[in-house]
Amino acid sequence: MKTSKEFLVFRKSENTNSFGLFQMYLMAKDGEAYTSCANSLNVKEVGDTVTQTIHIDDNTGKVNGKHFPGHELTEELGKAPKDVIEEVYKLKQLS
């Protein structure tokens, strides 16, 4: 089974790495946060949302994997504190 989760892009690199990828910082409303890289065709701007695909085993209900389609070098940062979540989502309201 597949499900999804929305993440807000709250920071993006101005230049690319040696592979031509831009790095983005992503956060969900529950504070789950990642860094992820994408090429110029898949990169998003600050204030945009990115959808994470979550694969769940039908038999056990356990998560088998998560990914952002079109992204590479994704790294989980953990959960942000409540005050950081509020600050990041204030940016969404301003954009």
PDB file of N, CA and C in Angstrom:
ATOM      1  N   MET A   1       0.840  -1.168   0.000  1.00  0.00           N
ATOM      2  CA  MET A   1       0.000   0.000   0.000  1.00  0.00           C
ATOM      3  C   MET A   1       0.896   1.246   0.000  1.00  0.00           C
ATOM      4  N   LYS A   2       0.416   2.281  -0.663  1.00  0.00           N
ATOM      5  CA  LYS A   2       1.138   3.552  -0.679  1.00  0.00           C
ATOM      6  C   LYS A   2       0.289   4.629  -0.032  1.00  0.00           C
ATOM      7  N   THR A   3       0.945   5.529   0.651  1.00  0.00           N
ATOM      8  CA  THR A   3       0.316   6.728   1.176  1.00  0.00           C
ATOM      9  C   THR A   3       1.294   7.875   0.949  1.00  0.00           C
ATOM     10  N   SER A   4       0.929   9.070   1.351  1.00  0.00           N
ATOM     11  CA  SER A   4       1.828  10.202   1.119  1.00  0.00           C
ATOM     12  C   SER A   4       1.733  11.215   2.249  1.00  0.00           C
ATOM     13  N   LYS A   5       2.713  12.123   2.264  1.00  0.00           N
ATOM     14  CA  LYS A   5       2.788  13.158   3.293  1.00  0.00           C
ATOM     15  C   LYS A   5       3.376  14.406   2.650  1.00  0.00           C
ATOM     16  N   GLU A   6       2.819  15.560   2.987  1.00  0.00           N
ATOM     17  CA  GLU A   6       3.278  16.829   2.421  1.00  0.00           C
ATOM     18  C   GLU A   6       4.367  17.464   3.292  1.00  0.00           C
ATOM     19  N   PHE A   7       5.386  18.001   2.624  1.00  0.00           N
ATOM     20  CA  PHE A   7       6.481  18.696   3.285  1.00  0.00           C
ATOM     21  C   PHE A   7       6.642  20.083   2.675  1.00  0.00           C
ATOM     22  N   LEU A   8       6.935  21.054   3.500  1.00  0.00           N
ATOM     23  CA  LEU A   8       7.183  22.421   3.059  1.00  0.00           C
ATOM     24  C   LEU A   8       8.674  22.620   2.820  1.00  0.00           C
ATOM     25  N   VAL A   9       9.026  23.219   1.698  1.00  0.00           N
ATOM     26  CA  VAL A   9      10.423  23.595   1.445  1.00  0.00           C
ATOM     27  C   VAL A   9      10.649  24.907   2.187  1.00  0.00           C
ATOM     28  N   PHE A  10      11.541  24.895   3.187  1.00  0.00           N
ATOM     29  CA  PHE A  10      11.765  26.123   3.945  1.00  0.00           C
ATOM     30  C   PHE A  10      13.162  26.708   3.737  1.00  0.00           C
ATOM     31  N   ARG A  11      13.975  26.007   2.977  1.00  0.00           N
ATOM     32  CA  ARG A  11      15.302  26.521   2.642  1.00  0.00           C
ATOM     33  C   ARG A  11      15.808  25.789   1.412  1.00  0.00           C
ATOM     34  N   LYS A  12      16.507  26.515   0.545  1.00  0.00           N
ATOM     35  CA  LYS A  12      17.044  25.910  -0.680  1.00  0.00           C
ATOM     36  C   LYS A  12      18.408  26.530  -0.974  1.00  0.00           C
ATOM     37  N   SER A  13      19.351  25.708  -1.400  1.00  0.00           N
ATOM     38  CA  SER A  13      20.683  26.228  -1.743  1.00  0.00           C
ATOM     39  C   SER A  13      20.592  27.110  -2.979  1.00  0.00           C
ATOM     40  N   GLU A  14      21.463  28.086  -3.048  1.00  0.00           N
ATOM     41  CA  GLU A  14      21.504  28.992  -4.201  1.00  0.00           C
ATOM     42  C   GLU A  14      22.323  28.409  -5.341  1.00  0.00           C
ATOM     43  N   ASN A  15      23.241  27.532  -5.006  1.00  0.00           N
ATOM     44  CA  ASN A  15      24.081  26.906  -6.034  1.00  0.00           C
ATOM     45  C   ASN A  15      23.946  25.390  -5.957  1.00  0.00           C
ATOM     46  N   THR A  16      24.525  24.704  -6.910  1.00  0.00           N
ATOM     47  CA  THR A  16      24.428  23.246  -6.959  1.00  0.00           C
ATOM     48  C   THR A  16      25.681  22.593  -6.413  1.00  0.00           C
ATOM     49  N   ASN A  17      25.542  21.324  -6.067  1.00  0.00           N
ATOM     50  CA  ASN A  17      26.716  20.553  -5.655  1.00  0.00           C
ATOM     51  C   ASN A  17      27.452  20.071  -6.910  1.00  0.00           C
ATOM     52  N   SER A  18      28.456  19.245  -6.737  1.00  0.00           N
ATOM     53  CA  SER A  18      29.262  18.789  -7.881  1.00  0.00           C
ATOM     54  C   SER A  18      28.491  17.898  -8.851  1.00  0.00           C
ATOM     55  N   PHE A  19      27.308  17.416  -8.436  1.00  0.00           N
ATOM     56  CA  PHE A  19      26.466  16.605  -9.316  1.00  0.00           C
ATOM     57  C   PHE A  19      25.380  17.428  -9.998  1.00  0.00           C
ATOM     58  N   GLY A  20      25.379  18.745  -9.774  1.00  0.00           N
ATOM     59  CA  GLY A  20      24.372  19.614 -10.366  1.00  0.00           C
ATOM     60  C   GLY A  20      23.043  19.597  -9.633  1.00  0.00           C
ATOM     61  N   LEU A  21      23.061  19.218  -8.350  1.00  0.00           N
ATOM     62  CA  LEU A  21      21.831  19.131  -7.557  1.00  0.00           C
ATOM     63  C   LEU A  21      21.723  20.270  -6.557  1.00  0.00           C
ATOM     64  N   PHE A  22      20.529  20.805  -6.410  1.00  0.00           N
ATOM     65  CA  PHE A  22      20.237  21.794  -5.373  1.00  0.00           C
ATOM     66  C   PHE A  22      19.811  21.058  -4.111  1.00  0.00           C
ATOM     67  N   GLN A  23      20.193  21.587  -2.935  1.00  0.00           N
ATOM     68  CA  GLN A  23      19.774  20.978  -1.681  1.00  0.00           C
ATOM     69  C   GLN A  23      18.604  21.771  -1.112  1.00  0.00           C
ATOM     70  N   MET A  24      17.607  21.046  -0.613  1.00  0.00           N
ATOM     71  CA  MET A  24      16.444  21.658   0.011  1.00  0.00           C
ATOM     72  C   MET A  24      16.271  21.112   1.417  1.00  0.00           C
ATOM     73  N   TYR A  25      15.715  21.951   2.286  1.00  0.00           N
ATOM     74  CA  TYR A  25      15.322  21.531   3.628  1.00  0.00           C
ATOM     75  C   TYR A  25      13.808  21.456   3.640  1.00  0.00           C
ATOM     76  N   LEU A  26      13.274  20.316   4.104  1.00  0.00           N
ATOM     77  CA  LEU A  26      11.848  20.031   4.040  1.00  0.00           C
ATOM     78  C   LEU A  26      11.310  19.724   5.430  1.00  0.00           C
ATOM     79  N   MET A  27      10.096  20.226   5.729  1.00  0.00           N
ATOM     80  CA  MET A  27       9.492  19.931   7.029  1.00  0.00           C
ATOM     81  C   MET A  27       7.990  19.704   6.876  1.00  0.00           C
ATOM     82  N   ALA A  28       7.493  18.660   7.549  1.00  0.00           N
ATOM     83  CA  ALA A  28       6.062  18.381   7.617  1.00  0.00           C
ATOM     84  C   ALA A  28       5.467  19.144   8.795  1.00  0.00           C
ATOM     85  N   LYS A  29       4.150  19.235   8.822  1.00  0.00           N
ATOM     86  CA  LYS A  29       3.478  19.963   9.904  1.00  0.00           C
ATOM     87  C   LYS A  29       3.684  19.330  11.269  1.00  0.00           C
ATOM     88  N   ASP A  30       4.048  18.035  11.300  1.00  0.00           N
ATOM     89  CA  ASP A  30       4.319  17.376  12.580  1.00  0.00           C
ATOM     90  C   ASP A  30       5.782  17.518  13.006  1.00  0.00           C
ATOM     91  N   GLY A  31       6.583  18.235  12.192  1.00  0.00           N
ATOM     92  CA  GLY A  31       7.982  18.486  12.547  1.00  0.00           C
ATOM     93  C   GLY A  31       8.981  17.520  11.953  1.00  0.00           C
ATOM     94  N   GLU A  32       8.527  16.477  11.275  1.00  0.00           N
ATOM     95  CA  GLU A  32       9.450  15.558  10.621  1.00  0.00           C
ATOM     96  C   GLU A  32      10.207  16.351   9.557  1.00  0.00           C
ATOM     97  N   ALA A  33      11.535  16.244   9.531  1.00  0.00           N
ATOM     98  CA  ALA A  33      12.332  17.081   8.634  1.00  0.00           C
ATOM     99  C   ALA A  33      13.409  16.273   7.912  1.00  0.00           C
ATOM    100  N   TYR A  34      13.721  16.723   6.704  1.00  0.00           N
ATOM    101  CA  TYR A  34      14.714  16.078   5.843  1.00  0.00           C
ATOM    102  C   TYR A  34      15.503  17.130   5.085  1.00  0.00           C
ATOM    103  N   THR A  35      16.704  16.734   4.645  1.00  0.00           N
ATOM    104  CA  THR A  35      17.370  17.428   3.555  1.00  0.00           C
ATOM    105  C   THR A  35      17.245  16.500   2.356  1.00  0.00           C
ATOM    106  N   SER A  36      17.141  17.098   1.182  1.00  0.00           N
ATOM    107  CA  SER A  36      17.010  16.308  -0.024  1.00  0.00           C
ATOM    108  C   SER A  36      17.536  17.131  -1.191  1.00  0.00           C
ATOM    109  N   CYS A  37      18.071  16.457  -2.193  1.00  0.00           N
ATOM    110  CA  CYS A  37      18.642  17.145  -3.351  1.00  0.00           C
ATOM    111  C   CYS A  37      17.862  16.802  -4.611  1.00  0.00           C
ATOM    112  N   ALA A  38      17.788  17.778  -5.521  1.00  0.00           N
ATOM    113  CA  ALA A  38      17.089  17.556  -6.786  1.00  0.00           C
ATOM    114  C   ALA A  38      17.757  18.386  -7.877  1.00  0.00           C
ATOM    115  N   ASN A  39      17.620  17.903  -9.109  1.00  0.00           N
ATOM    116  CA  ASN A  39      18.177  18.640 -10.249  1.00  0.00           C
ATOM    117  C   ASN A  39      17.257  19.806 -10.602  1.00  0.00           C
ATOM    118  N   SER A  40      17.642  20.569 -11.614  1.00  0.00           N
ATOM    119  CA  SER A  40      16.883  21.768 -11.968  1.00  0.00           C
ATOM    120  C   SER A  40      15.465  21.464 -12.456  1.00  0.00           C
ATOM    121  N   LEU A  41      15.203  20.240 -12.889  1.00  0.00           N
ATOM    122  CA  LEU A  41      13.862  19.869 -13.336  1.00  0.00           C
ATOM    123  C   LEU A  41      12.929  19.550 -12.167  1.00  0.00           C
ATOM    124  N   ASN A  42      13.483  19.114 -11.040  1.00  0.00           N
ATOM    125  CA  ASN A  42      12.681  18.672  -9.901  1.00  0.00           C
ATOM    126  C   ASN A  42      12.789  19.551  -8.664  1.00  0.00           C
ATOM    127  N   VAL A  43      13.676  20.540  -8.687  1.00  0.00           N
ATOM    128  CA  VAL A  43      13.872  21.387  -7.511  1.00  0.00           C
ATOM    129  C   VAL A  43      12.636  22.257  -7.291  1.00  0.00           C
ATOM    130  N   LYS A  44      12.346  22.524  -6.036  1.00  0.00           N
ATOM    131  CA  LYS A  44      11.237  23.395  -5.649  1.00  0.00           C
ATOM    132  C   LYS A  44      11.793  24.642  -4.976  1.00  0.00           C
ATOM    133  N   GLU A  45      10.989  25.663  -4.915  1.00  0.00           N
ATOM    134  CA  GLU A  45      11.384  26.921  -4.287  1.00  0.00           C
ATOM    135  C   GLU A  45      10.872  26.976  -2.850  1.00  0.00           C
ATOM    136  N   VAL A  46      11.455  27.862  -2.051  1.00  0.00           N
ATOM    137  CA  VAL A  46      11.011  28.059  -0.675  1.00  0.00           C
ATOM    138  C   VAL A  46       9.527  28.429  -0.696  1.00  0.00           C
ATOM    139  N   GLY A  47       8.751  27.746   0.140  1.00  0.00           N
ATOM    140  CA  GLY A  47       7.315  27.971   0.196  1.00  0.00           C
ATOM    141  C   GLY A  47       6.511  26.941  -0.580  1.00  0.00           C
ATOM    142  N   ASP A  48       7.172  26.209  -1.492  1.00  0.00           N
ATOM    143  CA  ASP A  48       6.503  25.137  -2.229  1.00  0.00           C
ATOM    144  C   ASP A  48       6.380  23.905  -1.336  1.00  0.00           C
ATOM    145  N   THR A  49       5.525  22.975  -1.743  1.00  0.00           N
ATOM    146  CA  THR A  49       5.418  21.710  -1.024  1.00  0.00           C
ATOM    147  C   THR A  49       5.937  20.570  -1.889  1.00  0.00           C
ATOM    148  N   VAL A  50       6.419  19.540  -1.216  1.00  0.00           N
ATOM    149  CA  VAL A  50       6.933  18.327  -1.839  1.00  0.00           C
ATOM    150  C   VAL A  50       6.199  17.160  -1.195  1.00  0.00           C
ATOM    151  N   THR A  51       5.797  16.193  -1.996  1.00  0.00           N
ATOM    152  CA  THR A  51       5.078  15.031  -1.483  1.00  0.00           C
ATOM    153  C   THR A  51       6.029  13.856  -1.304  1.00  0.00           C
ATOM    154  N   GLN A  52       6.007  13.294  -0.115  1.00  0.00           N
ATOM    155  CA  GLN A  52       6.792  12.096   0.184  1.00  0.00           C
ATOM    156  C   GLN A  52       5.899  10.878  -0.006  1.00  0.00           C
ATOM    157  N   THR A  53       6.370   9.894  -0.756  1.00  0.00           N
ATOM    158  CA  THR A  53       5.646   8.638  -0.927  1.00  0.00           C
ATOM    159  C   THR A  53       6.099   7.675   0.166  1.00  0.00           C
ATOM    160  N   ILE A  54       5.125   7.063   0.829  1.00  0.00           N
ATOM    161  CA  ILE A  54       5.406   6.127   1.922  1.00  0.00           C
ATOM    162  C   ILE A  54       4.851   4.764   1.526  1.00  0.00           C
ATOM    163  N   HIS A  55       5.699   3.749   1.544  1.00  0.00           N
ATOM    164  CA  HIS A  55       5.301   2.381   1.201  1.00  0.00           C
ATOM    165  C   HIS A  55       5.079   1.594   2.500  1.00  0.00           C
ATOM    166  N   ILE A  56       3.881   1.008   2.614  1.00  0.00           N
ATOM    167  CA  ILE A  56       3.512   0.261   3.818  1.00  0.00           C
ATOM    168  C   ILE A  56       3.224  -1.191   3.441  1.00  0.00           C
ATOM    169  N   ASP A  57       3.798  -2.118   4.191  1.00  0.00           N
ATOM    170  CA  ASP A  57       3.569  -3.545   3.970  1.00  0.00           C
ATOM    171  C   ASP A  57       2.117  -3.868   4.310  1.00  0.00           C
ATOM    172  N   ASP A  58       1.404  -4.444   3.362  1.00  0.00           N
ATOM    173  CA  ASP A  58      -0.015  -4.768   3.559  1.00  0.00           C
ATOM    174  C   ASP A  58      -0.237  -5.797   4.660  1.00  0.00           C
ATOM    175  N   ASN A  59       0.718  -6.681   4.865  1.00  0.00           N
ATOM    176  CA  ASN A  59       0.554  -7.741   5.859  1.00  0.00           C
ATOM    177  C   ASN A  59       0.878  -7.293   7.279  1.00  0.00           C
ATOM    178  N   THR A  60       1.942  -6.508   7.422  1.00  0.00           N
ATOM    179  CA  THR A  60       2.392  -6.138   8.773  1.00  0.00           C
ATOM    180  C   THR A  60       2.007  -4.720   9.168  1.00  0.00           C
ATOM    181  N   GLY A  61       1.718  -3.857   8.196  1.00  0.00           N
ATOM    182  CA  GLY A  61       1.411  -2.456   8.497  1.00  0.00           C
ATOM    183  C   GLY A  61       2.651  -1.622   8.766  1.00  0.00           C
ATOM    184  N   LYS A  62       3.828  -2.235   8.606  1.00  0.00           N
ATOM    185  CA  LYS A  62       5.080  -1.508   8.850  1.00  0.00           C
ATOM    186  C   LYS A  62       5.506  -0.737   7.605  1.00  0.00           C
ATOM    187  N   VAL A  63       6.182   0.374   7.844  1.00  0.00           N
ATOM    188  CA  VAL A  63       6.695   1.190   6.745  1.00  0.00           C
ATOM    189  C   VAL A  63       7.905   0.495   6.136  1.00  0.00           C
ATOM    190  N   ASN A  64       7.843   0.248   4.825  1.00  0.00           N
ATOM    191  CA  ASN A  64       8.953  -0.395   4.103  1.00  0.00           C
ATOM    192  C   ASN A  64       9.917   0.616   3.515  1.00  0.00           C
ATOM    193  N   GLY A  65       9.458   1.809   3.268  1.00  0.00           N
ATOM    194  CA  GLY A  65      10.333   2.812   2.680  1.00  0.00           C
ATOM    195  C   GLY A  65       9.602   4.122   2.461  1.00  0.00           C
ATOM    196  N   LYS A  66      10.392   5.184   2.404  1.00  0.00           N
ATOM    197  CA  LYS A  66       9.880   6.524   2.145  1.00  0.00           C
ATOM    198  C   LYS A  66      10.790   7.160   1.108  1.00  0.00           C
ATOM    199  N   HIS A  67      10.216   7.932   0.198  1.00  0.00           N
ATOM    200  CA  HIS A  67      11.056   8.655  -0.746  1.00  0.00           C
ATOM    201  C   HIS A  67      10.317   9.858  -1.316  1.00  0.00           C
ATOM    202  N   PHE A  68      11.099  10.803  -1.774  1.00  0.00           N
ATOM    203  CA  PHE A  68      10.591  11.971  -2.472  1.00  0.00           C
ATOM    204  C   PHE A  68      10.882  11.748  -3.951  1.00  0.00           C
ATOM    205  N   PRO A  69       9.865  11.493  -4.764  1.00  0.00           N
ATOM    206  CA  PRO A  69      10.110  11.242  -6.192  1.00  0.00           C
ATOM    207  C   PRO A  69      10.897  12.375  -6.852  1.00  0.00           C
ATOM    208  N   GLY A  70      11.938  11.984  -7.622  1.00  0.00           N
ATOM    209  CA  GLY A  70      12.778  12.957  -8.304  1.00  0.00           C
ATOM    210  C   GLY A  70      13.887  13.535  -7.446  1.00  0.00           C
ATOM    211  N   HIS A  71      14.029  13.035  -6.217  1.00  0.00           N
ATOM    212  CA  HIS A  71      15.049  13.541  -5.290  1.00  0.00           C
ATOM    213  C   HIS A  71      16.114  12.484  -5.031  1.00  0.00           C
ATOM    214  N   GLU A  72      17.290  12.969  -4.645  1.00  0.00           N
ATOM    215  CA  GLU A  72      18.417  12.096  -4.307  1.00  0.00           C
ATOM    216  C   GLU A  72      19.045  12.571  -3.008  1.00  0.00           C
ATOM    217  N   LEU A  73      19.926  11.752  -2.461  1.00  0.00           N
ATOM    218  CA  LEU A  73      20.714  12.106  -1.281  1.00  0.00           C
ATOM    219  C   LEU A  73      19.846  12.619  -0.130  1.00  0.00           C
ATOM    220  N   THR A  74      18.714  11.969   0.094  1.00  0.00           N
ATOM    221  CA  THR A  74      17.788  12.379   1.147  1.00  0.00           C
ATOM    222  C   THR A  74      18.304  11.905   2.497  1.00  0.00           C
ATOM    223  N   GLU A  75      18.239  12.799   3.477  1.00  0.00           N
ATOM    224  CA  GLU A  75      18.703  12.473   4.824  1.00  0.00           C
ATOM    225  C   GLU A  75      17.682  12.955   5.845  1.00  0.00           C
ATOM    226  N   GLU A  76      17.275  12.049   6.731  1.00  0.00           N
ATOM    227  CA  GLU A  76      16.314  12.420   7.773  1.00  0.00           C
ATOM    228  C   GLU A  76      17.006  13.229   8.862  1.00  0.00           C
ATOM    229  N   LEU A  77      16.385  14.318   9.276  1.00  0.00           N
ATOM    230  CA  LEU A  77      16.944  15.177  10.314  1.00  0.00           C
ATOM    231  C   LEU A  77      16.287  14.955  11.665  1.00  0.00           C
ATOM    232  N   GLY A  78      15.193  14.215  11.703  1.00  0.00           N
ATOM    233  CA  GLY A  78      14.480  13.998  12.959  1.00  0.00           C
ATOM    234  C   GLY A  78      13.327  14.969  13.095  1.00  0.00           C
ATOM    235  N   LYS A  79      12.776  15.045  14.297  1.00  0.00           N
ATOM    236  CA  LYS A  79      11.626  15.908  14.565  1.00  0.00           C
ATOM    237  C   LYS A  79      12.089  17.250  15.110  1.00  0.00           C
ATOM    238  N   ALA A  80      11.517  18.301  14.577  1.00  0.00           N
ATOM    239  CA  ALA A  80      11.837  19.653  15.035  1.00  0.00           C
ATOM    240  C   ALA A  80      11.000  19.982  16.275  1.00  0.00           C
ATOM    241  N   PRO A  81      11.520  20.847  17.153  1.00  0.00           N
ATOM    242  CA  PRO A  81      10.733  21.308  18.300  1.00  0.00           C
ATOM    243  C   PRO A  81       9.544  22.156  17.826  1.00  0.00           C
ATOM    244  N   LYS A  82       8.534  22.251  18.665  1.00  0.00           N
ATOM    245  CA  LYS A  82       7.304  22.965  18.306  1.00  0.00           C
ATOM    246  C   LYS A  82       7.553  24.406  17.877  1.00  0.00           C
ATOM    247  N   ASP A  83       8.443  25.124  18.576  1.00  0.00           N
ATOM    248  CA  ASP A  83       8.696  26.528  18.221  1.00  0.00           C
ATOM    249  C   ASP A  83       9.347  26.653  16.839  1.00  0.00           C
ATOM    250  N   VAL A  84      10.158  25.693  16.457  1.00  0.00           N
ATOM    251  CA  VAL A  84      10.785  25.704  15.128  1.00  0.00           C
ATOM    252  C   VAL A  84       9.730  25.419  14.051  1.00  0.00           C
ATOM    253  N   ILE A  85       8.836  24.479  14.315  1.00  0.00           N
ATOM    254  CA  ILE A  85       7.759  24.172  13.368  1.00  0.00           C
ATOM    255  C   ILE A  85       6.916  25.425  13.123  1.00  0.00           C
ATOM    256  N   GLU A  86       6.558  26.104  14.201  1.00  0.00           N
ATOM    257  CA  GLU A  86       5.744  27.324  14.078  1.00  0.00           C
ATOM    258  C   GLU A  86       6.466  28.379  13.253  1.00  0.00           C
ATOM    259  N   GLU A  87       7.751  28.547  13.475  1.00  0.00           N
ATOM    260  CA  GLU A  87       8.541  29.544  12.729  1.00  0.00           C
ATOM    261  C   GLU A  87       8.621  29.196  11.258  1.00  0.00           C
ATOM    262  N   VAL A  88       8.854  27.935  10.949  1.00  0.00           N
ATOM    263  CA  VAL A  88       8.944  27.503   9.547  1.00  0.00           C
ATOM    264  C   VAL A  88       7.615  27.713   8.835  1.00  0.00           C
ATOM    265  N   TYR A  89       6.513  27.376   9.471  1.00  0.00           N
ATOM    266  CA  TYR A  89       5.209  27.511   8.824  1.00  0.00           C
ATOM    267  C   TYR A  89       4.723  28.960   8.788  1.00  0.00           C
ATOM    268  N   LYS A  90       5.322  29.847   9.581  1.00  0.00           N
ATOM    269  CA  LYS A  90       5.052  31.292   9.425  1.00  0.00           C
ATOM    270  C   LYS A  90       5.566  31.764   8.064  1.00  0.00           C
ATOM    271  N   LEU A  91       6.699  31.199   7.633  1.00  0.00           N
ATOM    272  CA  LEU A  91       7.265  31.549   6.323  1.00  0.00           C
ATOM    273  C   LEU A  91       6.272  31.239   5.215  1.00  0.00           C
ATOM    274  N   LYS A  92       5.547  30.131   5.345  1.00  0.00           N
ATOM    275  CA  LYS A  92       4.565  29.731   4.345  1.00  0.00           C
ATOM    276  C   LYS A  92       3.470  30.801   4.242  1.00  0.00           C
ATOM    277  N   GLN A  93       3.047  31.351   5.368  1.00  0.00           N
ATOM    278  CA  GLN A  93       2.010  32.364   5.376  1.00  0.00           C
ATOM    279  C   GLN A  93       2.487  33.668   4.752  1.00  0.00           C
ATOM    280  N   LEU A  94       3.793  33.951   4.881  1.00  0.00           N
ATOM    281  CA  LEU A  94       4.345  35.194   4.343  1.00  0.00           C
ATOM    282  C   LEU A  94       4.582  35.125   2.848  1.00  0.00           C
ATOM    283  N   SER A  95       4.760  33.900   2.303  1.00  0.00           N
ATOM    284  CA  SER A  95       5.074  33.783   0.878  1.00  0.00           C
ATOM    285  C   SER A  95       3.828  33.768   0.012  1.00  0.00           C
TER     286      SER A  95
END
